[in-house]
């Protein structure tokens, strides 16, 4: 069987992915997507040194400025891939950040305000909504960046 080759032209050059099967090519594209996501966010994360720090577990809040529970939850979700994670992981990241939050209650309130959504009703995962992303970018981050 021949080789399957995909060439993607981008602003920064040409990316080529090849494999023997479609599954192999799809796996490589997934790795490429993950790496591109990390690389494209690197400047953002560098600019936010002192606010957020990336660890092996995920983003940890390191700012000394006061944050509301909503802001802390939204910041963690904002810096995760697809702005989404499970309730357990979110709780662990907030604990690692030194934040004690009654998470289910705050997430329920944030859901009512349209800041987070629950993509699958029966799965304990939450995602920052488009309004939530906009709120973090336009209000939360600018406030935290002032005086840095």
Protein backbone atom coordinates (compact mmCIF):
# COMPACT_ATOMS: atom_id res chain seq x y z
CA UNK A 1 0.00 0.00 0.00
CA UNK A 2 1.25 3.51 -0.80
CA UNK A 3 1.92 6.39 1.52
CA UNK A 4 -0.69 9.03 2.35
CA UNK A 5 0.79 12.53 2.32
CA UNK A 6 -0.86 15.78 3.39
CA UNK A 7 0.76 19.17 2.77
CA UNK A 8 -0.51 22.17 4.71
CA UNK A 9 0.57 25.63 3.60
CA UNK A 10 0.67 28.20 6.39
CA UNK A 11 1.86 31.77 6.86
CA UNK A 12 5.08 30.46 8.39
CA UNK A 13 5.83 27.78 5.80
CA UNK A 14 4.80 24.35 4.67
CA UNK A 15 3.92 21.46 7.01
CA UNK A 16 3.95 17.92 5.65
CA UNK A 17 2.36 14.91 7.34
CA UNK A 18 2.70 11.40 5.94
CA UNK A 19 1.70 7.90 6.97
CA UNK A 20 0.74 4.46 5.71
CA UNK A 21 -2.88 4.65 6.91
CA UNK A 22 -5.45 7.35 7.48
CA UNK A 23 -5.38 6.58 11.22
CA UNK A 24 -1.61 7.17 11.32
CA UNK A 25 -2.00 10.50 9.51
CA UNK A 26 -4.84 11.52 11.84
CA UNK A 27 -2.71 10.70 14.91
CA UNK A 28 0.12 12.84 13.55
CA UNK A 29 -2.28 15.69 12.79
CA UNK A 30 -3.60 15.50 16.37
CA UNK A 31 -0.03 15.73 17.73
CA UNK A 32 0.63 18.63 15.37
CA UNK A 33 -2.55 20.39 16.51
CA UNK A 34 -1.61 19.98 20.18
CA UNK A 35 1.94 21.24 19.61
CA UNK A 36 0.70 24.18 17.52
CA UNK A 37 -1.78 25.06 20.26
CA UNK A 38 1.01 25.17 22.85
CA UNK A 39 3.38 27.12 20.59
CA UNK A 40 0.76 29.67 19.58
CA UNK A 41 -0.08 30.33 23.23
CA UNK A 42 3.55 30.61 24.42
CA UNK A 43 3.79 34.41 23.95
CA UNK A 44 0.51 34.84 25.82
CA UNK A 45 1.77 32.74 28.71
CA UNK A 46 5.10 34.63 28.78
CA UNK A 47 3.25 37.95 29.01
CA UNK A 48 1.23 36.61 31.92
CA UNK A 49 4.16 35.59 34.07
CA UNK A 50 3.20 36.45 37.62
CA UNK A 51 -0.47 35.74 36.96
CA UNK A 52 -0.51 32.17 35.69
CA UNK A 53 2.12 29.45 35.51
CA UNK A 54 1.95 26.31 33.39
CA UNK A 55 2.78 23.06 35.18
CA UNK A 56 2.62 19.40 34.18
CA UNK A 57 -0.88 19.22 35.69
CA UNK A 58 -2.06 22.38 33.94
CA UNK A 59 -2.31 26.12 34.62
CA UNK A 60 -1.81 27.31 38.20
CA UNK A 61 -2.79 30.80 39.40
CA UNK A 62 0.20 32.55 41.00
CA UNK A 63 -0.94 36.18 41.18
CA UNK A 64 -0.99 37.86 44.58
CA UNK A 65 -3.90 40.08 43.51
CA UNK A 66 -7.32 39.29 44.91
CA UNK A 67 -9.51 37.23 42.62
CA UNK A 68 -13.19 36.41 42.90
CA UNK A 69 -14.10 32.74 42.77
CA UNK A 70 -15.54 33.31 39.30
CA UNK A 71 -12.29 34.89 38.09
CA UNK A 72 -10.16 32.05 39.47
CA UNK A 73 -12.32 29.39 37.82
CA UNK A 74 -12.46 31.29 34.53
CA UNK A 75 -8.67 31.84 34.46
CA UNK A 76 -7.97 28.14 34.92
CA UNK A 77 -10.47 27.19 32.19
CA UNK A 78 -9.16 29.92 29.88
CA UNK A 79 -5.66 28.47 29.85
CA UNK A 80 -6.72 24.86 29.29
CA UNK A 81 -6.98 23.30 25.85
CA UNK A 82 -10.43 24.05 24.37
CA UNK A 83 -11.15 26.04 27.59
CA UNK A 84 -12.59 22.84 29.05
CA UNK A 85 -11.93 20.27 31.78
CA UNK A 86 -13.51 17.88 34.25
CA UNK A 87 -14.81 18.95 37.63
CA UNK A 88 -12.13 16.86 39.38
CA UNK A 89 -9.24 18.34 37.39
CA UNK A 90 -10.56 21.88 37.85
CA UNK A 91 -10.84 21.30 41.62
CA UNK A 92 -7.25 19.96 41.76
CA UNK A 93 -5.88 22.92 39.78
CA UNK A 94 -7.67 25.39 42.05
CA UNK A 95 -6.36 23.60 45.16
CA UNK A 96 -2.84 23.71 43.67
CA UNK A 97 -3.41 27.44 43.14
CA UNK A 98 -4.26 27.84 46.84
CA UNK A 99 -7.93 28.59 46.16
CA UNK A 100 -10.61 27.03 48.38
CA UNK A 101 -13.82 27.22 46.39
CA UNK A 102 -17.17 25.43 46.65
CA UNK A 103 -16.84 24.50 43.01
CA UNK A 104 -20.22 22.96 42.08
CA UNK A 105 -22.10 25.97 43.46
CA UNK A 106 -19.85 28.52 41.72
CA UNK A 107 -20.01 26.61 38.41
CA UNK A 108 -23.81 26.49 38.64
CA UNK A 109 -23.90 30.27 39.18
CA UNK A 110 -21.44 30.85 36.33
CA UNK A 111 -23.61 28.66 34.10
CA UNK A 112 -26.65 30.82 34.95
CA UNK A 113 -24.65 33.95 34.03
CA UNK A 114 -23.58 32.39 30.72
CA UNK A 115 -19.87 32.27 31.56
CA UNK A 116 -19.56 28.47 31.42
CA UNK A 117 -21.43 25.69 29.69
CA UNK A 118 -21.70 21.98 30.29
CA UNK A 119 -21.10 20.38 26.86
CA UNK A 120 -22.56 17.00 27.86
CA UNK A 121 -25.37 16.98 30.46
CA UNK A 122 -24.33 13.69 32.10
CA UNK A 123 -20.57 14.26 32.07
CA UNK A 124 -19.01 16.37 34.87
CA UNK A 125 -17.10 18.62 32.44
CA UNK A 126 -17.30 22.36 32.08
CA UNK A 127 -16.24 24.70 29.31
CA UNK A 128 -15.77 28.45 29.26
CA UNK A 129 -18.44 29.90 26.96
CA UNK A 130 -17.69 32.49 24.29
CA UNK A 131 -19.00 35.14 26.67
CA UNK A 132 -16.73 33.70 29.37
CA UNK A 133 -13.69 33.88 27.08
CA UNK A 134 -14.57 37.47 26.14
CA UNK A 135 -15.02 38.37 29.85
CA UNK A 136 -11.58 36.96 30.73
CA UNK A 137 -9.89 38.73 27.80
CA UNK A 138 -11.63 42.10 28.17
CA UNK A 139 -12.05 42.46 31.93
CA UNK A 140 -10.15 39.94 34.05
CA UNK A 141 -6.74 39.84 32.34
CA UNK A 142 -6.44 43.62 31.80
CA UNK A 143 -7.17 44.20 35.50
CA UNK A 144 -4.55 41.64 36.53
CA UNK A 145 -1.94 43.00 34.08
CA UNK A 146 -2.13 46.57 35.40
CA UNK A 147 0.73 47.28 37.74
CA UNK A 148 2.83 44.33 36.57
